[in-house]
Amino acid sequence: MINGEGKRDVVLGIIGLLLAILVLVVLAYRGVGAFPITILAGFMVIITNGMSIWDSFSEVYMGGYLSFFKSYFFIFAASSLYAKLMEESGAAIAIGYKFVDWFGKRRAVLIVFLITVVLTYGGINLFIAIFAVTPIIMVLFKEADIPRRLAIGVFVAGSGTVSMSALPGSPALANVIPTRFLGTQITAAPGLGIIAAVMMTIMILLYLKWEENRLRKAGEHFSYIPGTDHKIYEVDRGNLPPAGVSFVPLVIVVGMIIGLKEIIPNSAELIVLSMITSSAAVLLLFWSRIRDKKAAINTGLSGAIGAIAGPCAVVAFGAIVQRSSSFIDVVAWINNLKMNPYWTGTMATAIMSGVTGSASGGLTITLQTFSEQFKASGANLSILHRLISIASGSFGSLPHGSGFFLMFGWLGLTHKECYRFVGVVSVVIPMITFIVLTTAVVAMGL
């Protein structure tokens, strides 16, 4: 039996956890960097949960930080190099203009959304896709005169919703993790997944079009990323490389990632190999077009250092949260609600993803805790798989999500400038989707 002091400790720990997440959100909006806000938020969790300050930071925080750095640094470096070479050679700009020719500049939002969906559904992680898509965004949004801050909403809509959790067969972690715990396939509940994808796509495109019109009426215009060389994009199209040849490195990336999955099962190794091979192809195809090759390579590779720092810090904060007693209390509270397994799965996943700032983290913790319970419940595990995958992308996309510090920074944006777009497409719309579909599944007794 828990005594009064124990109850106060539980309440204090949970209050500390909630306040820490609030601090992350508020300070991120005010433009404070990921490292200082995660240190402050981590300190609040540590103090209110009675954890050792030194051990929590030196072992747990740094353990999470270094683990992410170790796992992803070479992926970031290879991707940053590829993006820089594509930009410097003019290949990415040529691809962008070809899309303008095919679809018209008025459809810039739709084009970027579809490109991102194709790349991420093809196996390119959103951390990598942002490097590849940015030069294309610059061309398309410049031609259409759409504010750059809307671009991040379009990119997240393409990478963090439909292709991540709804479409059956997606290689994203949000779709793969449930297979490890539930024994399902990545193509689980294909009909339900397609319905979810259509629902989200319609809502996303309607919302983004409304925002585009609203921003135009407000007098906002396109602007370049601060610190970039505008001359790269302000070119005579006659001086650009042929579009057909420019697509070759991009096709190599997608082709290798899709075609070599079975031969090279280590996804990190495969991505790095694909990016390095594509970078070599850019150099071979456009050698004479890259004026300062040494500078391009140096800038491309060193760009990974700044890009990876923010996500590392947020993952490190998540590591502290998962070690706290209040986190265990939250898990126990969800378990005690005794809901229908579909509601338990979706609500637990959404909450855990929000607390950790990670869709994959929320899914893993939920399934570690409830998977055996789900299996014994009689629920259709394939349907449950699809519902919790979609739910993971809702609260997992709150402002302290690990990827946002990278994506916003890469496009020269702050949370205050652009999170409203991200919040609607990746939190509100997936939340509406999983609530509607879960309600329907429960009502039909599936």
Protein backbone atom coordinates (compact mmCIF):
# COMPACT_ATOMS: atom_id res chain seq x y z
CA MET A 1 0.00 0.00 0.00
CA ILE A 2 1.37 3.42 -0.95
CA ASN A 3 1.61 5.87 1.94
CA GLY A 4 0.96 9.61 1.75
CA GLU A 5 4.62 10.39 1.15
CA GLY A 6 4.76 7.87 -1.68
CA LYS A 7 1.71 9.40 -3.33
CA ARG A 8 3.26 12.84 -3.11
CA ASP A 9 6.45 11.50 -4.72
CA VAL A 10 4.44 10.00 -7.59
CA VAL A 11 2.51 13.23 -8.15
CA LEU A 12 5.69 15.32 -7.94
CA GLY A 13 7.44 13.09 -10.46
CA ILE A 14 4.59 13.27 -12.97
CA ILE A 15 4.28 17.05 -12.53
CA GLY A 16 8.01 17.34 -13.14
CA LEU A 17 7.72 15.25 -16.29
CA LEU A 18 4.87 17.34 -17.66
CA LEU A 19 6.62 20.61 -16.81
CA ALA A 20 9.79 19.37 -18.51
CA ILE A 21 7.91 18.69 -21.74
CA LEU A 22 6.24 22.11 -21.46
CA VAL A 23 9.68 23.72 -21.07
CA LEU A 24 10.88 21.92 -24.20
CA VAL A 25 7.92 23.19 -26.19
CA VAL A 26 7.99 26.79 -24.95
CA LEU A 27 11.75 27.32 -25.22
CA ALA A 28 11.90 25.62 -28.63
CA TYR A 29 9.31 28.16 -29.81
CA ARG A 30 11.48 30.94 -28.46
CA GLY A 31 14.42 29.75 -30.54
CA VAL A 32 16.54 28.22 -27.77
CA GLY A 33 18.76 25.40 -29.05
CA ALA A 34 18.11 21.71 -28.42
CA PHE A 35 21.13 21.20 -26.14
CA PRO A 36 20.32 23.86 -23.48
CA ILE A 37 16.59 23.10 -23.37
CA THR A 38 17.11 19.34 -23.04
CA ILE A 39 19.63 19.92 -20.25
CA LEU A 40 17.13 22.14 -18.39
CA ALA A 41 14.18 19.80 -19.02
CA GLY A 42 16.28 16.79 -18.07
CA PHE A 43 17.29 18.49 -14.83
CA MET A 44 13.62 19.04 -13.95
CA VAL A 45 12.83 15.34 -14.49
CA ILE A 46 15.88 14.27 -12.48
CA ILE A 47 15.12 16.51 -9.48
CA THR A 48 11.40 15.71 -9.26
CA ASN A 49 12.03 11.97 -9.61
CA GLY A 50 14.80 11.75 -7.04
CA MET A 51 17.44 10.63 -9.55
CA SER A 52 21.20 11.12 -9.25
CA ILE A 53 22.11 14.34 -11.08
CA TRP A 54 25.63 13.33 -12.10
CA ASP A 55 24.82 9.75 -13.08
CA SER A 56 21.70 10.81 -14.98
CA PHE A 57 23.63 13.29 -17.10
CA SER A 58 26.99 11.57 -17.44
CA GLU A 59 25.63 8.07 -18.01
CA VAL A 60 21.98 8.21 -19.12
CA TYR A 61 21.87 11.52 -21.03
CA MET A 62 25.27 11.07 -22.66
CA GLY A 63 24.50 7.42 -23.29
CA GLY A 64 21.42 8.37 -25.30
CA TYR A 65 23.29 11.21 -27.04
CA LEU A 66 26.26 9.11 -28.08
CA SER A 67 24.11 6.14 -29.04
CA PHE A 68 22.19 8.23 -31.58
CA PHE A 69 25.39 9.91 -32.79
CA LYS A 70 27.10 6.56 -33.26
CA SER A 71 24.13 5.07 -35.10
CA TYR A 72 23.41 7.97 -37.45
CA PHE A 73 26.49 10.17 -37.91
CA PHE A 74 27.81 8.53 -41.05
CA ILE A 75 24.31 8.50 -42.51
CA PHE A 76 24.04 12.25 -41.90
CA ALA A 77 27.54 12.87 -43.32
CA ALA A 78 26.97 10.84 -46.49
CA SER A 79 23.54 12.41 -47.03
CA SER A 80 24.79 15.94 -46.47
CA LEU A 81 27.64 15.34 -48.94
CA TYR A 82 25.25 13.98 -51.57
CA ALA A 83 22.89 16.95 -51.19
CA LYS A 84 25.73 19.48 -51.42
CA LEU A 85 27.19 17.94 -54.56
CA MET A 86 23.75 17.73 -56.21
CA GLU A 87 23.23 21.39 -55.40
CA GLU A 88 26.67 22.61 -56.52
CA SER A 89 26.51 20.66 -59.78
CA GLY A 90 23.15 22.13 -60.67
CA ALA A 91 21.59 18.67 -60.90
CA ALA A 92 19.10 19.27 -58.11
CA ILE A 93 18.09 22.60 -59.63
CA ALA A 94 17.64 20.95 -63.03
CA ILE A 95 15.37 18.31 -61.45
CA GLY A 96 13.34 21.04 -59.77
CA TYR A 97 12.79 22.91 -63.02
CA LYS A 98 11.82 19.71 -64.80
CA PHE A 99 9.06 19.20 -62.24
CA VAL A 100 7.93 22.77 -62.91
CA ASP A 101 7.75 21.92 -66.64
CA TRP A 102 5.77 18.74 -65.99
CA PHE A 103 3.27 19.98 -63.43
CA GLY A 104 3.42 23.76 -63.49
CA LYS A 105 4.74 26.05 -60.77
CA ARG A 106 1.26 26.48 -59.24
CA ARG A 107 1.45 22.86 -58.05
CA ALA A 108 4.70 23.27 -56.10
CA VAL A 109 3.14 22.09 -52.83
CA LEU A 110 1.68 18.95 -54.41
CA ILE A 111 4.96 18.15 -56.18
CA VAL A 112 7.11 18.41 -53.04
CA PHE A 113 4.56 16.34 -51.10
CA LEU A 114 4.56 13.57 -53.72
CA ILE A 115 8.36 13.57 -54.12
CA THR A 116 8.78 13.22 -50.37
CA VAL A 117 6.20 10.42 -50.15
CA VAL A 118 7.94 8.51 -52.96
CA LEU A 119 11.41 8.91 -51.45
CA THR A 120 10.42 7.92 -47.92
CA TYR A 121 8.13 5.09 -49.02
CA GLY A 122 11.05 3.90 -51.15
CA GLY A 123 13.14 3.50 -48.01
CA ILE A 124 14.90 6.85 -47.59
CA ASN A 125 14.70 7.95 -43.95
CA LEU A 126 13.23 11.41 -43.38
CA PHE A 127 16.56 12.48 -41.85
CA ILE A 128 18.15 11.79 -45.25
CA ALA A 129 15.24 12.90 -47.44
CA ILE A 130 15.41 16.47 -46.14
CA PHE A 131 18.92 16.79 -47.61
CA ALA A 132 17.81 15.51 -51.01
CA VAL A 133 14.56 17.47 -51.23
CA THR A 134 15.78 20.88 -50.02
CA PRO A 135 17.36 22.04 -53.33
CA ILE A 136 14.19 21.00 -55.17
CA ILE A 137 12.10 22.91 -52.63
CA MET A 138 14.20 26.00 -53.24
CA VAL A 139 13.54 25.92 -56.98
CA LEU A 140 9.85 25.05 -56.84
CA PHE A 141 8.93 27.43 -54.03
CA LYS A 142 10.97 30.24 -55.60
CA GLU A 143 9.19 29.82 -58.94
CA ALA A 144 5.79 29.72 -57.24
CA ASP A 145 6.75 32.48 -54.76
CA ILE A 146 5.60 30.46 -51.76
CA PRO A 147 7.06 31.33 -48.33
CA ARG A 148 9.87 28.95 -47.38
CA ARG A 149 8.36 28.36 -43.95
CA LEU A 150 5.43 26.47 -45.49
CA ALA A 151 7.89 24.03 -47.10
CA ILE A 152 8.62 22.27 -43.82
CA GLY A 153 4.93 21.53 -43.37
CA VAL A 154 4.82 20.03 -46.85
CA PHE A 155 7.95 17.96 -46.24
CA VAL A 156 6.75 16.60 -42.89
CA ALA A 157 3.36 15.84 -44.43
CA GLY A 158 5.10 13.71 -47.04
CA SER A 159 7.62 12.02 -44.76
CA GLY A 160 5.91 11.69 -41.39
CA THR A 161 2.32 10.68 -42.12
CA VAL A 162 1.15 8.71 -45.15
CA SER A 163 4.42 7.00 -46.07
CA MET A 164 5.51 6.47 -42.45
CA SER A 165 2.53 4.81 -40.86
CA ALA A 166 -0.47 4.38 -43.17
CA LEU A 167 0.66 2.84 -46.44
CA PRO A 168 1.10 -0.94 -46.13
CA GLY A 169 4.63 -2.12 -46.84
CA SER A 170 6.34 1.06 -45.62
CA PRO A 171 9.92 0.44 -44.46
CA ALA A 172 9.62 3.16 -41.78
CA LEU A 173 10.27 2.14 -38.17
CA ALA A 174 6.71 3.07 -37.24
CA ASN A 175 5.55 0.27 -39.52
CA VAL A 176 8.35 -2.20 -38.79
CA ILE A 177 8.43 -2.16 -34.96
CA PRO A 178 4.95 -3.72 -34.49
CA THR A 179 6.02 -6.74 -36.56
CA ARG A 180 8.68 -7.58 -34.00
CA PHE A 181 6.23 -7.72 -31.10
CA LEU A 182 2.94 -8.77 -32.69
CA GLY A 183 4.17 -11.20 -35.33
CA THR A 184 2.44 -9.20 -38.08
CA GLN A 185 3.73 -8.20 -41.52
CA ILE A 186 4.67 -4.73 -42.74
CA THR A 187 1.70 -5.04 -45.10
CA ALA A 188 -0.67 -5.51 -42.14
CA ALA A 189 -4.32 -4.48 -42.69
CA PRO A 190 -3.73 -3.13 -46.23
CA GLY A 191 -7.34 -2.03 -46.73
CA LEU A 192 -7.40 -0.06 -43.50
CA GLY A 193 -4.00 1.41 -44.29
CA ILE A 194 -5.09 2.62 -47.71
CA ILE A 195 -8.25 4.16 -46.25
CA ALA A 196 -6.08 5.96 -43.66
CA ALA A 197 -3.66 7.15 -46.37
CA VAL A 198 -6.49 8.56 -48.48
CA MET A 199 -8.05 10.28 -45.46
CA MET A 200 -4.78 11.88 -44.42
CA THR A 201 -3.79 12.90 -47.96
CA ILE A 202 -7.10 14.67 -48.60
CA MET A 203 -6.98 16.54 -45.28
CA ILE A 204 -3.29 17.41 -45.72
CA LEU A 205 -3.61 18.80 -49.25
CA LEU A 206 -6.75 20.80 -48.43
CA TYR A 207 -5.06 22.31 -45.38
CA LEU A 208 -1.79 23.12 -47.17
CA LYS A 209 -3.66 24.76 -50.06
CA TRP A 210 -5.60 26.86 -47.56
CA GLU A 211 -2.35 27.91 -45.86
CA GLU A 212 -0.73 28.75 -49.21
CA ASN A 213 -3.65 31.03 -50.10
CA ARG A 214 -3.67 32.58 -46.64
CA LEU A 215 0.06 33.37 -46.77
CA ARG A 216 -0.30 34.93 -50.22
CA LYS A 217 -3.12 37.17 -49.04
CA ALA A 218 -0.98 38.17 -46.06
CA GLY A 219 1.70 39.38 -48.49
CA GLU A 220 4.36 36.79 -47.67
CA HIS A 221 6.88 35.79 -50.33
CA PHE A 222 9.63 33.27 -50.92
CA SER A 223 13.00 33.84 -49.23
CA TYR A 224 16.27 31.94 -49.45
CA ILE A 225 17.81 30.08 -46.55
CA PRO A 226 19.97 32.61 -44.65
CA GLY A 227 23.64 32.19 -45.49
CA THR A 228 23.12 30.33 -48.77
CA ASP A 229 24.57 31.44 -52.09
CA HIS A 230 21.57 32.75 -54.03
CA LYS A 231 23.49 32.54 -57.29
CA ILE A 232 23.20 28.75 -57.20
CA TYR A 233 19.46 29.09 -57.84
CA GLU A 234 19.46 32.24 -59.94
CA VAL A 235 20.81 30.65 -63.10
CA ASP A 236 20.11 30.57 -66.80
CA ARG A 237 18.29 27.28 -67.37
CA GLY A 238 20.34 26.84 -70.53
CA ASN A 239 23.43 26.48 -68.37
CA LEU A 240 21.99 23.70 -66.21
CA PRO A 241 22.90 20.05 -66.82
CA PRO A 242 20.39 17.91 -68.78
CA ALA A 243 17.47 16.90 -66.57
CA GLY A 244 17.63 13.27 -67.70
CA VAL A 245 21.24 12.92 -66.54
CA SER A 246 20.48 14.87 -63.36
CA PHE A 247 17.95 12.23 -62.28
CA VAL A 248 20.59 9.46 -62.45
CA PRO A 249 22.12 9.96 -58.94
CA LEU A 250 18.65 10.16 -57.40
CA VAL A 251 17.61 6.96 -59.16
CA ILE A 252 20.80 5.30 -57.87
CA VAL A 253 19.92 6.21 -54.27
CA VAL A 254 16.36 4.90 -54.45
CA GLY A 255 17.31 1.89 -56.58
CA MET A 256 20.09 0.74 -54.26
CA ILE A 257 18.05 1.15 -51.09
CA ILE A 258 15.13 -0.80 -52.54
CA GLY A 259 17.08 -3.32 -54.59
CA LEU A 260 19.77 -4.26 -52.07
CA LYS A 261 17.61 -4.64 -48.95
CA GLU A 262 17.95 -8.42 -48.93
CA ILE A 263 21.65 -8.45 -49.81
CA ILE A 264 22.65 -5.77 -47.26
CA PRO A 265 20.23 -6.17 -44.32
CA ASN A 266 22.03 -3.53 -42.23
CA SER A 267 19.98 -0.45 -43.17
CA ALA A 268 22.59 2.06 -41.97
CA GLU A 269 25.31 0.40 -44.03
CA LEU A 270 23.02 0.30 -47.07
CA ILE A 271 22.06 3.97 -46.81
CA VAL A 272 25.66 5.13 -46.42
CA LEU A 273 26.77 2.96 -49.36
CA SER A 274 23.91 4.31 -51.49
CA MET A 275 24.69 7.93 -50.67
CA ILE A 276 28.44 7.55 -51.23
CA THR A 277 27.84 5.76 -54.54
CA SER A 278 25.44 8.49 -55.64
CA SER A 279 27.90 11.19 -54.57
CA ALA A 280 30.60 9.51 -56.67
CA ALA A 281 28.14 9.42 -59.59
CA VAL A 282 27.53 13.17 -59.21
CA LEU A 283 31.27 13.83 -59.36
CA LEU A 284 31.72 11.62 -62.42
CA LEU A 285 28.74 13.00 -64.30
CA PHE A 286 29.24 16.67 -63.45
CA TRP A 287 32.98 16.97 -62.76
CA SER A 288 33.45 20.16 -64.76
CA ARG A 289 30.34 21.81 -63.33
CA ILE A 290 31.49 21.72 -59.68
CA ARG A 291 33.85 24.66 -59.52
CA ASP A 292 35.46 24.12 -56.10
CA LYS A 293 35.27 20.38 -55.46
CA LYS A 294 37.32 20.45 -52.27
CA ALA A 295 35.12 23.14 -50.71
CA ALA A 296 31.95 21.31 -51.73
CA ILE A 297 33.14 18.06 -50.16
CA ASN A 298 34.35 19.77 -46.99
CA THR A 299 31.12 21.74 -46.58
CA GLY A 300 28.97 18.73 -47.33
CA LEU A 301 30.65 16.44 -44.82
CA SER A 302 31.03 19.03 -42.06
CA GLY A 303 27.36 19.96 -42.38
CA ALA A 304 26.51 16.70 -40.64
CA ILE A 305 27.97 17.91 -37.33
CA GLY A 306 25.48 20.72 -36.90
CA ALA A 307 22.60 18.71 -38.34
CA ILE A 308 22.90 15.78 -35.96
CA ALA A 309 23.43 17.72 -32.71
CA GLY A 310 19.77 18.63 -32.13
CA PRO A 311 18.31 15.14 -32.63
CA CYS A 312 21.04 13.68 -30.39
CA ALA A 313 20.09 16.02 -27.55
CA VAL A 314 16.37 15.22 -27.78
CA VAL A 315 17.06 11.48 -27.82
CA ALA A 316 19.28 12.00 -24.76
CA PHE A 317 16.41 13.72 -22.93
CA GLY A 318 14.17 10.78 -23.84
CA ALA A 319 16.70 8.43 -22.24
CA ILE A 320 16.39 10.30 -18.93
CA VAL A 321 12.61 10.22 -19.14
CA GLN A 322 12.55 6.46 -19.65
CA ARG A 323 14.70 5.94 -16.53
CA SER A 324 12.42 8.05 -14.33
CA SER A 325 9.92 6.57 -11.86
CA SER A 326 7.18 8.88 -13.15
CA PHE A 327 7.46 7.28 -16.57
CA ILE A 328 6.80 3.88 -15.01
CA ASP A 329 3.81 5.41 -13.21
CA VAL A 330 2.38 6.71 -16.49
CA VAL A 331 2.68 3.22 -18.02
CA ALA A 332 0.91 1.70 -15.00
CA TRP A 333 -1.88 4.30 -15.16
CA ILE A 334 -2.58 3.48 -18.82
CA ASN A 335 -2.63 -0.23 -18.04
CA ASN A 336 -5.13 0.28 -15.21
CA LEU A 337 -7.66 1.99 -17.49
CA LYS A 338 -8.79 -1.45 -18.75
CA MET A 339 -9.90 -0.13 -22.16
CA ASN A 340 -10.68 -2.02 -25.34
CA PRO A 341 -7.30 -3.28 -26.68
CA TYR A 342 -7.56 -1.05 -29.76
CA TRP A 343 -8.05 2.02 -27.58
CA THR A 344 -5.36 0.90 -25.14
CA GLY A 345 -2.93 0.46 -28.01
CA THR A 346 -3.62 3.74 -29.77
CA MET A 347 -3.87 5.90 -26.65
CA ALA A 348 -0.81 4.35 -25.00
CA THR A 349 1.24 4.73 -28.18
CA ALA A 350 0.20 8.35 -28.66
CA ILE A 351 0.99 9.24 -25.03
CA MET A 352 4.33 7.41 -24.95
CA SER A 353 5.35 8.94 -28.27
CA GLY A 354 4.51 12.38 -26.90
CA VAL A 355 6.48 11.87 -23.69
CA THR A 356 9.58 10.59 -25.52
CA GLY A 357 9.25 12.89 -28.55
CA SER A 358 9.62 9.88 -30.80
CA ALA A 359 7.13 7.74 -32.74
CA SER A 360 9.46 4.73 -32.76
CA GLY A 361 10.27 5.22 -29.08
CA GLY A 362 6.60 5.40 -28.14
CA LEU A 363 5.77 2.29 -30.15
CA THR A 364 8.64 0.30 -28.66
CA ILE A 365 7.74 1.16 -25.07
CA THR A 366 4.02 0.49 -25.63
CA LEU A 367 4.63 -2.90 -27.20
CA GLN A 368 7.25 -3.89 -24.64
CA THR A 369 4.60 -3.26 -22.01
CA PHE A 370 1.38 -4.46 -23.64
CA SER A 371 2.21 -6.85 -26.51
CA GLU A 372 1.49 -10.04 -24.57
CA GLN A 373 -1.74 -8.51 -23.29
CA PHE A 374 -2.73 -7.60 -26.86
CA LYS A 375 -2.02 -11.14 -28.10
CA ALA A 376 -4.21 -12.64 -25.39
CA SER A 377 -7.05 -10.15 -25.93
CA GLY A 378 -8.44 -11.67 -29.12
CA ALA A 379 -7.98 -8.41 -31.04
CA ASN A 380 -7.09 -8.56 -34.72
CA LEU A 381 -3.34 -7.95 -34.47
CA SER A 382 -3.00 -6.74 -38.06
CA ILE A 383 -5.63 -4.07 -37.49
CA LEU A 384 -4.03 -3.16 -34.17
CA HIS A 385 -0.65 -2.90 -35.93
CA ARG A 386 -2.01 -0.38 -38.42
CA LEU A 387 -3.86 1.70 -35.83
CA ILE A 388 -0.94 2.04 -33.42
CA SER A 389 1.43 2.85 -36.28
CA ILE A 390 -0.78 5.79 -37.23
CA ALA A 391 -1.19 6.82 -33.58
CA SER A 392 2.59 6.91 -33.08
CA GLY A 393 2.90 9.76 -35.56
CA SER A 394 0.47 12.02 -33.72
CA PHE A 395 1.89 13.06 -30.34
CA GLY A 396 5.28 11.80 -31.52
CA SER A 397 5.32 14.95 -33.66
CA LEU A 398 4.94 17.45 -30.82
CA PRO A 399 7.45 20.35 -30.92
CA HIS A 400 10.15 18.44 -29.03
CA GLY A 401 10.24 15.68 -31.67
CA SER A 402 13.89 14.82 -32.32
CA GLY A 403 13.80 15.33 -36.10
CA PHE A 404 12.38 18.83 -36.03
CA PHE A 405 15.54 20.47 -34.71
CA LEU A 406 17.38 19.05 -37.73
CA MET A 407 14.73 19.84 -40.35
CA PHE A 408 13.92 23.33 -39.12
CA GLY A 409 17.59 24.24 -38.79
CA TRP A 410 18.46 22.84 -42.22
CA LEU A 411 15.84 25.10 -43.84
CA GLY A 412 16.87 28.08 -41.72
CA LEU A 413 13.62 28.14 -39.76
CA THR A 414 12.55 28.28 -36.13
CA HIS A 415 9.71 26.53 -34.33
CA LYS A 416 7.88 29.83 -34.03
CA GLU A 417 8.01 30.40 -37.77
CA CYS A 418 6.84 27.03 -38.99
CA TYR A 419 5.63 24.59 -36.34
CA ARG A 420 1.96 25.52 -36.81
CA PHE A 421 2.06 23.84 -40.24
CA VAL A 422 3.83 20.77 -38.87
CA GLY A 423 1.46 20.53 -35.93
CA VAL A 424 -1.62 20.36 -38.14
CA VAL A 425 -0.30 17.88 -40.72
CA SER A 426 1.56 15.54 -38.38
CA VAL A 427 -0.28 15.81 -35.04
CA VAL A 428 -3.88 16.90 -35.63
CA ILE A 429 -4.56 15.04 -38.89
CA PRO A 430 -3.07 11.66 -37.81
CA MET A 431 -4.89 12.04 -34.47
CA ILE A 432 -8.22 12.59 -36.23
CA THR A 433 -7.45 9.61 -38.46
CA PHE A 434 -6.64 7.10 -35.73
CA ILE A 435 -9.56 8.23 -33.55
CA VAL A 436 -12.07 7.90 -36.41
CA LEU A 437 -10.70 4.53 -37.55
CA THR A 438 -10.41 3.12 -34.02
CA THR A 439 -13.98 4.17 -33.30
CA ALA A 440 -15.12 2.45 -36.50
CA VAL A 441 -13.16 -0.74 -35.78
CA VAL A 442 -14.54 -1.00 -32.23
CA ALA A 443 -18.09 -0.22 -33.42
CA MET A 444 -17.90 -2.98 -36.04
CA GLY A 445 -16.53 -5.45 -33.52
CA LEU A 446 -13.50 -6.33 -35.65
